[in-house]
Amino acid sequence: MLQLFPDASFVYLHRHPLVVYQSACHMADTTYWHMYLKRPTSAQIHDFILSQFAILWDEFAADRALIPPGRLVELSFEELSTDPVAAVRRVYSALGIDGFEERVRPRVEALQAGKAEGRHGGAGGG
């Protein structure tokens, strides 16, 4: 990405590894089997998921070292879901992006209010 967008900043949103593993198992159980000629065993699926996790983590660790200081913010999904306003404010602040309070905070709060009311997908509008 840095080769294509040399001035880019990055936000790495992560979840607990156990939750990621459980999600990957569910996806494999409900989706992946459509792509095989022969249904894999549970052990094969688990080995595949763990090997993919290791590959992706190693790639991220290597690429993280290439990102210049001050251009990467790491954020947990728990932090984002617990207090979205504070989490997004932290991202804007860490990356030195202006306009959070005026332009972004109202939208995050509207999304949060919509989810509390059972409306998923946002508060509508532009």
Protein backbone atom coordinates (compact mmCIF):
# COMPACT_ATOMS: atom_id res chain seq x y z
CA MET A 1 0.00 0.00 0.00
CA LEU A 2 2.82 2.39 0.79
CA GLN A 3 4.15 2.00 -2.75
CA LEU A 4 0.79 3.03 -4.19
CA PHE A 5 0.01 5.65 -1.54
CA PRO A 6 3.31 6.85 -0.06
CA ASP A 7 1.65 9.47 2.16
CA ALA A 8 -1.07 7.16 3.49
CA SER A 9 -1.90 6.68 7.14
CA PHE A 10 -3.21 3.37 8.44
CA VAL A 11 -5.68 2.19 11.05
CA TYR A 12 -5.27 -1.42 12.15
CA LEU A 13 -8.50 -2.65 13.70
CA HIS A 14 -8.04 -5.93 15.53
CA ARG A 15 -10.11 -8.39 17.52
CA HIS A 16 -9.11 -10.92 20.15
CA PRO A 17 -7.42 -13.88 18.39
CA LEU A 18 -9.90 -16.39 19.86
CA VAL A 19 -12.84 -14.41 18.46
CA VAL A 20 -11.10 -14.24 15.07
CA TYR A 21 -10.50 -18.00 15.17
CA GLN A 22 -14.13 -18.73 16.07
CA SER A 23 -15.32 -16.45 13.28
CA ALA A 24 -13.00 -18.11 10.77
CA CYS A 25 -14.25 -21.56 11.85
CA HIS A 26 -17.84 -20.44 11.34
CA MET A 27 -17.03 -18.98 7.93
CA ALA A 28 -15.22 -22.16 6.92
CA ASP A 29 -18.14 -24.27 8.08
CA THR A 30 -20.76 -22.19 6.27
CA THR A 31 -18.88 -20.95 3.20
CA TYR A 32 -15.58 -22.62 2.37
CA TRP A 33 -16.98 -26.08 1.75
CA HIS A 34 -18.60 -24.77 -1.44
CA MET A 35 -15.11 -24.34 -2.91
CA TYR A 36 -13.87 -27.89 -2.42
CA LEU A 37 -14.33 -30.96 -4.58
CA LYS A 38 -14.19 -33.03 -1.40
CA ARG A 39 -15.23 -31.70 1.99
CA PRO A 40 -12.14 -31.26 4.18
CA THR A 41 -11.90 -32.74 7.65
CA SER A 42 -12.22 -30.55 10.73
CA ALA A 43 -8.50 -30.98 11.35
CA GLN A 44 -7.69 -29.77 7.83
CA ILE A 45 -9.94 -26.74 8.26
CA HIS A 46 -8.38 -25.86 11.61
CA ASP A 47 -4.85 -26.31 10.22
CA PHE A 48 -5.75 -24.05 7.28
CA ILE A 49 -7.18 -21.35 9.55
CA LEU A 50 -4.16 -21.39 11.85
CA SER A 51 -1.71 -21.32 8.93
CA GLN A 52 -3.56 -18.37 7.36
CA PHE A 53 -3.49 -16.53 10.68
CA ALA A 54 0.27 -17.07 10.96
CA ILE A 55 0.86 -15.91 7.37
CA LEU A 56 -1.29 -12.80 7.77
CA TRP A 57 0.23 -11.91 11.14
CA ASP A 58 3.78 -12.32 9.82
CA GLU A 59 2.96 -10.13 6.81
CA PHE A 60 1.43 -7.46 9.03
CA ALA A 61 4.40 -7.52 11.40
CA ALA A 62 6.81 -7.10 8.49
CA ASP A 63 4.75 -4.34 6.87
CA ARG A 64 4.19 -2.54 10.18
CA ALA A 65 7.93 -1.91 10.36
CA LEU A 66 7.75 -0.07 7.01
CA ILE A 67 5.09 2.41 8.12
CA PRO A 68 6.65 5.70 9.20
CA PRO A 69 6.15 6.72 12.84
CA GLY A 70 2.91 8.59 13.47
CA ARG A 71 1.09 7.05 10.51
CA LEU A 72 -0.29 3.90 12.14
CA VAL A 73 -3.00 3.68 14.77
CA GLU A 74 -3.89 0.32 16.27
CA LEU A 75 -7.41 0.03 17.60
CA SER A 76 -9.20 -2.90 19.19
CA PHE A 77 -12.69 -3.79 18.08
CA GLU A 78 -13.66 -3.82 21.76
CA GLU A 79 -12.50 -0.20 22.11
CA LEU A 80 -14.42 0.80 18.99
CA SER A 81 -17.62 -0.97 20.01
CA THR A 82 -17.48 0.16 23.66
CA ASP A 83 -16.96 3.87 22.99
CA PRO A 84 -17.02 4.67 19.27
CA VAL A 85 -16.75 8.43 19.76
CA ALA A 86 -13.61 8.15 21.90
CA ALA A 87 -12.09 5.53 19.61
CA VAL A 88 -12.59 7.53 16.42
CA ARG A 89 -11.45 10.71 18.20
CA ARG A 90 -8.24 8.89 19.17
CA VAL A 91 -7.64 7.87 15.55
CA TYR A 92 -8.14 11.43 14.31
CA SER A 93 -5.93 12.83 17.05
CA ALA A 94 -3.13 10.29 16.60
CA LEU A 95 -3.03 10.89 12.85
CA GLY A 96 -3.28 14.67 13.19
CA ILE A 97 -6.53 14.92 11.24
CA ASP A 98 -8.62 18.00 11.94
CA GLY A 99 -12.38 18.33 12.05
CA PHE A 100 -13.41 15.46 14.28
CA GLU A 101 -15.64 17.46 16.64
CA GLU A 102 -17.32 19.47 13.88
CA ARG A 103 -17.73 16.95 11.08
CA VAL A 104 -17.19 13.43 12.36
CA ARG A 105 -18.44 13.29 15.93
CA PRO A 106 -22.07 14.07 14.97
CA ARG A 107 -22.04 11.26 12.41
CA VAL A 108 -20.51 8.74 14.81
CA GLU A 109 -23.08 9.70 17.44
CA ALA A 110 -25.90 9.35 14.87
CA LEU A 111 -24.65 5.90 13.90
CA GLN A 112 -24.40 4.94 17.55
CA ALA A 113 -27.95 6.19 18.21
CA GLY A 114 -29.24 4.26 15.20
CA LYS A 115 -27.71 1.04 16.45
CA ALA A 116 -29.19 1.61 19.91
CA GLU A 117 -32.60 1.96 18.26
CA GLY A 118 -32.08 -1.25 16.30
CA ARG A 119 -31.33 0.45 12.99
CA HIS A 120 -28.19 -1.05 11.50
CA GLY A 121 -26.26 0.45 8.65
CA GLY A 122 -26.22 4.03 9.78
CA ALA A 123 -28.36 7.04 10.24
CA GLY A 124 -28.87 7.70 6.55
CA GLY A 125 -27.95 10.82 4.70
CA GLY A 126 -24.75 11.77 2.91
